[in-house]
Amino acid sequence: MDAKELRAKNPAELSDELVKLRKEQFALRLQRASGQAPKPDQFGKVRRNIARVKTVLREQRTAGGEK
């Protein structure tokens, strides 16, 4: 997921995306704890996507407050 794609979304859509990514992160942790071996690179990808979404949300909040 690119930051360009995220910047095109409104804050409500970004919040939904953040919830979806958090659920995915939780599912990966459950799989790892139960002995199933998810792909190890997925943890980092999900974590980076969460950071991207949170960054864009923060940018939109600060840009909205300055207007």
C-alpha atoms as a PDB file:
ATOM      1  CA  MET A   1       0.000   0.000   0.000  1.00  0.00           C
ATOM      2  CA  ASP A   2       1.433   3.335  -1.061  1.00  0.00           C
ATOM      3  CA  ALA A   3       1.196   6.570   0.860  1.00  0.00           C
ATOM      4  CA  LYS A   4      -0.235   8.146  -2.311  1.00  0.00           C
ATOM      5  CA  GLU A   5      -3.171   5.744  -2.191  1.00  0.00           C
ATOM      6  CA  LEU A   6      -3.700   6.504   1.485  1.00  0.00           C
ATOM      7  CA  ARG A   7      -3.621  10.272   1.009  1.00  0.00           C
ATOM      8  CA  ALA A   8      -6.498   9.958  -1.483  1.00  0.00           C
ATOM      9  CA  LYS A   9      -8.738   8.491   1.242  1.00  0.00           C
ATOM     10  CA  ASN A  10     -10.732  10.421   3.808  1.00  0.00           C
ATOM     11  CA  PRO A  11     -10.135  10.027   7.564  1.00  0.00           C
ATOM     12  CA  ALA A  12     -13.071   7.627   8.026  1.00  0.00           C
ATOM     13  CA  GLU A  13     -11.697   5.267   5.373  1.00  0.00           C
ATOM     14  CA  LEU A  14      -8.245   5.500   6.923  1.00  0.00           C
ATOM     15  CA  SER A  15      -9.650   4.604  10.332  1.00  0.00           C
ATOM     16  CA  ASP A  16     -11.360   1.558   8.823  1.00  0.00           C
ATOM     17  CA  GLU A  17      -8.097   0.576   7.147  1.00  0.00           C
ATOM     18  CA  LEU A  18      -6.274   0.929  10.466  1.00  0.00           C
ATOM     19  CA  VAL A  19      -8.785  -1.354  12.194  1.00  0.00           C
ATOM     20  CA  LYS A  20      -8.396  -3.910   9.406  1.00  0.00           C
ATOM     21  CA  LEU A  21      -4.612  -3.845   9.713  1.00  0.00           C
ATOM     22  CA  ARG A  22      -4.755  -4.181  13.514  1.00  0.00           C
ATOM     23  CA  LYS A  23      -6.996  -7.246  13.139  1.00  0.00           C
ATOM     24  CA  GLU A  24      -4.574  -8.713  10.620  1.00  0.00           C
ATOM     25  CA  GLN A  25      -1.687  -8.094  13.029  1.00  0.00           C
ATOM     26  CA  PHE A  26      -3.614  -9.802  15.822  1.00  0.00           C
ATOM     27  CA  ALA A  27      -4.392 -12.797  13.594  1.00  0.00           C
ATOM     28  CA  LEU A  28      -0.696 -13.147  12.739  1.00  0.00           C
ATOM     29  CA  ARG A  29       0.222 -13.090  16.416  1.00  0.00           C
ATOM     30  CA  LEU A  30      -2.386 -15.760  17.161  1.00  0.00           C
ATOM     31  CA  GLN A  31      -1.060 -17.945  14.364  1.00  0.00           C
ATOM     32  CA  ARG A  32       2.471 -17.622  15.678  1.00  0.00           C
ATOM     33  CA  ALA A  33       1.383 -18.393  19.245  1.00  0.00           C
ATOM     34  CA  SER A  34      -0.625 -21.455  18.216  1.00  0.00           C
ATOM     35  CA  GLY A  35       2.323 -22.978  16.410  1.00  0.00           C
ATOM     36  CA  GLN A  36       1.277 -22.220  12.866  1.00  0.00           C
ATOM     37  CA  ALA A  37       4.112 -20.542  11.045  1.00  0.00           C
ATOM     38  CA  PRO A  38       2.977 -17.485   9.080  1.00  0.00           C
ATOM     39  CA  LYS A  39       5.479 -15.938   6.736  1.00  0.00           C
ATOM     40  CA  PRO A  40       7.913 -14.021   8.936  1.00  0.00           C
ATOM     41  CA  ASP A  41       8.010 -11.021   6.606  1.00  0.00           C
ATOM     42  CA  GLN A  42       4.271 -10.435   7.079  1.00  0.00           C
ATOM     43  CA  PHE A  43       4.804  -9.054  10.592  1.00  0.00           C
ATOM     44  CA  GLY A  44       7.027  -6.269   9.308  1.00  0.00           C
ATOM     45  CA  LYS A  45       4.798  -5.486   6.348  1.00  0.00           C
ATOM     46  CA  VAL A  46       1.705  -5.113   8.490  1.00  0.00           C
ATOM     47  CA  ARG A  47       3.570  -3.024  11.045  1.00  0.00           C
ATOM     48  CA  ARG A  48       4.872  -0.668   8.332  1.00  0.00           C
ATOM     49  CA  ASN A  49       1.396  -0.352   6.790  1.00  0.00           C
ATOM     50  CA  ILE A  50      -0.029   0.567  10.197  1.00  0.00           C
ATOM     51  CA  ALA A  51       2.654   3.241  10.544  1.00  0.00           C
ATOM     52  CA  ARG A  52       1.836   4.601   7.076  1.00  0.00           C
ATOM     53  CA  VAL A  53      -1.868   4.866   7.861  1.00  0.00           C
ATOM     54  CA  LYS A  54      -1.205   6.560  11.191  1.00  0.00           C
ATOM     55  CA  THR A  55       1.208   9.006   9.544  1.00  0.00           C
ATOM     56  CA  VAL A  56      -1.308   9.999   6.864  1.00  0.00           C
ATOM     57  CA  LEU A  57      -4.059  10.369   9.479  1.00  0.00           C
ATOM     58  CA  ARG A  58      -1.795  12.646  11.493  1.00  0.00           C
ATOM     59  CA  GLU A  59      -0.911  14.684   8.396  1.00  0.00           C
ATOM     60  CA  GLN A  60      -4.585  15.141   7.578  1.00  0.00           C
ATOM     61  CA  ARG A  61      -5.429  16.198  11.132  1.00  0.00           C
ATOM     62  CA  THR A  62      -2.663  18.799  11.246  1.00  0.00           C
ATOM     63  CA  ALA A  63      -3.478  20.098   7.767  1.00  0.00           C
ATOM     64  CA  GLY A  64      -7.159  20.388   8.710  1.00  0.00           C
ATOM     65  CA  GLY A  65      -6.357  22.345  11.858  1.00  0.00           C
ATOM     66  CA  GLU A  66      -4.198  24.896  10.054  1.00  0.00           C
ATOM     67  CA  LYS A  67      -6.893  25.934   7.584  1.00  0.00           C
END
